[in-house]
Amino acid sequence: MTATVDHARLKRTRLIRAIKAAERALGIDQDAHRHLVHEIAASDSLTRCTLGQLRAILDHLNRKTGGYKDKPRRTRPATGGQLAKIEAQLTDMGLPWSYAQAILKRVSAEDGQPGVDRFEWATPKHLAKVIAALDYEQQKRWAAGHVTQALAERGLGRHDLPRLCADAGIPWHAGWERKPDIANRYLQMVLARPTQERPR
């Protein structure tokens, strides 16, 4: 049977981590945490929440931490769909609008001129570049997360990767987490091994 990666579980893990990070930033204790989860998701645990409920909780916390303070209030005509896509990407990765704003400024710089630093002034072409950059960031995070999950299912960790590469005759790249093509190659290498392997 071919081993597979649980994409939904990885997405849940990222959202829960982002929620806990936002709660730490706000100083939310366990009692306040339980109240928040019950109030927004009518649940007693993050692990019992749906993906939609987790996103709603994260959205609520991001607004409190200022994570969405830079969310554009006005945009150019016909760019609403692109902004919604960017918001979905940021929510999926637990990132603030300021992260996308920095990308916008970088990708909109042309011919030595400074880039646009407000979404209100961004053109559809600019926003398409932001979406592409965020999509690539998602790919990197997904690929690295898949590798980590596959290793854990075999009783291994990221520190085992150099040895596994040597065993498989595959070149080792220290910065593999930031390169989806290499991460996916490592994923296939790990998936080819039996589960519950213990490090030597």
Protein backbone atom coordinates (compact mmCIF):
# COMPACT_ATOMS: atom_id res chain seq x y z
CA MET A 1 0.00 0.00 0.00
CA THR A 2 1.32 3.44 -0.91
CA ALA A 3 1.92 5.71 2.07
CA THR A 4 0.09 9.02 2.00
CA VAL A 5 0.22 12.31 3.87
CA ASP A 6 -2.85 13.60 5.71
CA HIS A 7 -3.18 17.11 4.27
CA ALA A 8 -6.17 18.02 6.45
CA ARG A 9 -4.29 17.06 9.61
CA LEU A 10 -1.34 19.25 8.62
CA LYS A 11 -3.65 22.19 8.01
CA ARG A 12 -5.32 21.63 11.40
CA THR A 13 -1.92 21.47 13.09
CA ARG A 14 -0.82 24.78 11.53
CA LEU A 15 -4.04 26.52 12.54
CA ILE A 16 -3.88 25.22 16.13
CA ARG A 17 -0.25 26.34 16.43
CA ALA A 18 -1.16 29.79 15.12
CA ILE A 19 -4.05 30.01 17.61
CA LYS A 20 -1.80 29.08 20.53
CA ALA A 21 0.83 31.60 19.43
CA ALA A 22 -1.81 34.36 19.27
CA GLU A 23 -3.13 33.35 22.70
CA ARG A 24 0.37 33.57 24.17
CA ALA A 25 0.78 37.03 22.68
CA LEU A 26 -2.47 38.10 24.33
CA GLY A 27 -1.71 36.40 27.65
CA ILE A 28 -4.81 34.21 27.46
CA ASP A 29 -4.87 31.62 30.26
CA GLN A 30 -6.47 28.17 30.17
CA ASP A 31 -9.84 29.32 31.52
CA ALA A 32 -10.04 32.16 29.01
CA HIS A 33 -8.97 29.74 26.27
CA ARG A 34 -11.80 27.33 27.08
CA HIS A 35 -14.29 30.19 27.17
CA LEU A 36 -13.08 31.49 23.80
CA VAL A 37 -13.32 28.09 22.11
CA HIS A 38 -16.80 27.52 23.55
CA GLU A 39 -17.96 31.02 22.63
CA ILE A 40 -16.80 30.93 19.01
CA ALA A 41 -16.96 27.23 18.13
CA ALA A 42 -19.38 25.82 20.74
CA SER A 43 -16.71 23.22 21.47
CA ASP A 44 -14.65 22.25 24.50
CA SER A 45 -11.40 21.59 22.62
CA LEU A 46 -9.48 22.82 19.57
CA THR A 47 -8.97 19.21 18.52
CA ARG A 48 -12.74 18.80 18.16
CA CYS A 49 -13.16 21.95 16.05
CA THR A 50 -13.67 21.90 12.30
CA LEU A 51 -11.24 23.72 10.02
CA GLY A 52 -13.80 26.48 9.61
CA GLN A 53 -14.14 26.88 13.37
CA LEU A 54 -10.36 26.99 13.81
CA ARG A 55 -10.11 29.72 11.17
CA ALA A 56 -12.85 31.69 12.94
CA ILE A 57 -10.99 31.47 16.26
CA LEU A 58 -7.72 32.52 14.61
CA ASP A 59 -9.43 35.40 12.84
CA HIS A 60 -10.86 36.60 16.17
CA LEU A 61 -7.44 36.43 17.85
CA ASN A 62 -5.64 38.09 14.94
CA ARG A 63 -7.97 41.05 15.20
CA LYS A 64 -7.13 41.38 18.89
CA THR A 65 -3.37 41.07 18.37
CA GLY A 66 -3.39 43.50 15.48
CA GLY A 67 -2.67 40.74 13.00
CA TYR A 68 -5.25 42.26 10.65
CA LYS A 69 -4.57 45.90 11.47
CA ASP A 70 -3.17 46.44 7.97
CA LYS A 71 -6.06 44.77 6.18
CA PRO A 72 -7.07 47.11 3.33
CA ARG A 73 -10.41 48.87 3.76
CA ARG A 74 -10.62 50.21 0.23
CA THR A 75 -9.33 48.63 -2.96
CA ARG A 76 -9.36 49.26 -6.67
CA PRO A 77 -12.38 48.03 -8.64
CA ALA A 78 -12.24 44.37 -9.70
CA THR A 79 -9.58 43.43 -7.12
CA GLY A 80 -11.92 42.17 -4.40
CA GLY A 81 -11.56 38.54 -5.46
CA GLN A 82 -7.78 38.78 -5.37
CA LEU A 83 -7.83 40.34 -1.89
CA ALA A 84 -10.12 37.54 -0.67
CA LYS A 85 -7.63 35.00 -2.04
CA ILE A 86 -4.74 36.75 -0.27
CA GLU A 87 -6.71 36.81 2.99
CA ALA A 88 -7.39 33.07 2.70
CA GLN A 89 -3.70 32.38 2.09
CA LEU A 90 -2.65 34.46 5.09
CA THR A 91 -5.25 32.79 7.33
CA ASP A 92 -4.12 29.34 6.22
CA MET A 93 -0.54 30.13 7.24
CA GLY A 94 -1.42 32.19 10.30
CA LEU A 95 0.31 35.27 8.90
CA PRO A 96 -0.61 38.97 9.31
CA TRP A 97 -1.48 41.34 6.47
CA SER A 98 1.83 43.11 7.06
CA TYR A 99 3.54 39.99 5.66
CA ALA A 100 1.65 40.35 2.37
CA GLN A 101 2.20 44.10 2.43
CA ALA A 102 5.97 43.57 2.48
CA ILE A 103 5.63 41.21 -0.50
CA LEU A 104 3.51 43.79 -2.34
CA LYS A 105 6.17 46.46 -1.91
CA ARG A 106 8.86 44.11 -3.21
CA VAL A 107 7.01 42.71 -6.25
CA SER A 108 5.63 46.10 -7.35
CA ALA A 109 9.02 47.85 -7.48
CA GLU A 110 9.97 48.50 -11.10
CA ASP A 111 12.75 50.32 -12.95
CA GLY A 112 14.41 51.51 -9.76
CA GLN A 113 11.19 53.06 -8.49
CA PRO A 114 9.96 52.19 -4.97
CA GLY A 115 7.16 49.68 -4.79
CA VAL A 116 3.57 50.21 -3.75
CA ASP A 117 3.15 49.80 0.01
CA ARG A 118 -0.64 50.00 0.28
CA PHE A 119 -3.15 47.55 -1.13
CA GLU A 120 -5.48 50.45 -1.94
CA TRP A 121 -3.01 51.43 -4.68
CA ALA A 122 -2.23 47.93 -5.94
CA THR A 123 -3.18 46.91 -9.46
CA PRO A 124 -4.52 43.46 -10.40
CA LYS A 125 -1.04 42.72 -11.81
CA HIS A 126 0.55 43.55 -8.46
CA LEU A 127 -1.94 41.41 -6.56
CA ALA A 128 -1.39 38.48 -8.92
CA LYS A 129 2.31 38.60 -8.02
CA VAL A 130 1.49 38.68 -4.29
CA ILE A 131 -0.79 35.66 -4.69
CA ALA A 132 1.93 33.80 -6.57
CA ALA A 133 4.51 34.60 -3.86
CA LEU A 134 2.16 33.47 -1.08
CA ASP A 135 1.33 30.32 -3.03
CA TYR A 136 5.03 29.49 -3.21
CA GLU A 137 5.35 30.10 0.54
CA GLN A 138 2.44 27.73 1.12
CA GLN A 139 4.15 25.11 -1.02
CA LYS A 140 7.31 25.41 1.07
CA ARG A 141 5.42 25.09 4.32
CA TRP A 142 3.30 22.20 3.08
CA ALA A 143 6.31 20.30 1.78
CA ALA A 144 8.31 20.76 4.98
CA GLY A 145 5.28 19.81 7.07
CA HIS A 146 4.72 16.65 5.03
CA VAL A 147 8.32 15.58 5.57
CA THR A 148 8.09 16.21 9.31
CA GLN A 149 4.85 14.22 9.57
CA ALA A 150 6.20 11.30 7.55
CA LEU A 151 9.33 11.19 9.71
CA ALA A 152 7.28 11.24 12.92
CA GLU A 153 5.18 8.32 11.68
CA ARG A 154 8.41 6.34 11.41
CA GLY A 155 9.72 7.31 14.81
CA LEU A 156 12.22 9.70 13.23
CA GLY A 157 12.95 13.42 13.26
CA ARG A 158 14.45 16.03 10.97
CA HIS A 159 17.88 15.34 12.48
CA ASP A 160 17.71 11.89 10.84
CA LEU A 161 17.45 13.29 7.31
CA PRO A 162 21.22 13.51 6.58
CA ARG A 163 21.59 9.82 7.47
CA LEU A 164 18.56 8.84 5.40
CA CYS A 165 19.89 10.78 2.43
CA ALA A 166 23.26 9.03 2.74
CA ASP A 167 21.53 5.64 2.93
CA ALA A 168 19.47 6.42 -0.18
CA GLY A 169 22.35 8.00 -2.11
CA ILE A 170 20.54 11.34 -2.28
CA PRO A 171 22.42 14.67 -1.86
CA TRP A 172 21.84 16.42 1.45
CA HIS A 173 20.74 20.07 1.37
CA ALA A 174 20.80 21.92 4.69
CA GLY A 175 18.21 24.46 3.51
CA TRP A 176 15.74 21.91 2.19
CA GLU A 177 12.79 23.40 4.12
CA ARG A 178 12.80 26.43 1.82
CA LYS A 179 12.96 24.43 -1.43
CA PRO A 180 9.72 22.55 -2.24
CA ASP A 181 11.28 20.43 -4.99
CA ILE A 182 13.97 19.11 -2.64
CA ALA A 183 11.50 18.70 0.23
CA ASN A 184 9.20 16.67 -2.01
CA ARG A 185 12.13 14.46 -3.02
CA TYR A 186 12.94 13.89 0.64
CA LEU A 187 9.26 13.16 1.29
CA GLN A 188 9.23 10.37 -1.29
CA MET A 189 12.42 9.00 0.24
CA VAL A 190 10.88 8.93 3.72
CA LEU A 191 7.55 7.51 2.54
CA ALA A 192 9.43 4.61 0.95
CA ARG A 193 10.59 3.50 4.39
CA PRO A 194 8.49 1.37 6.76
CA THR A 195 6.55 3.09 9.51
CA GLN A 196 7.64 3.02 13.14
CA GLU A 197 11.33 2.79 12.28
CA ARG A 198 13.52 3.75 15.20
CA PRO A 199 16.69 5.78 14.74
CA ARG A 200 19.91 3.85 15.01
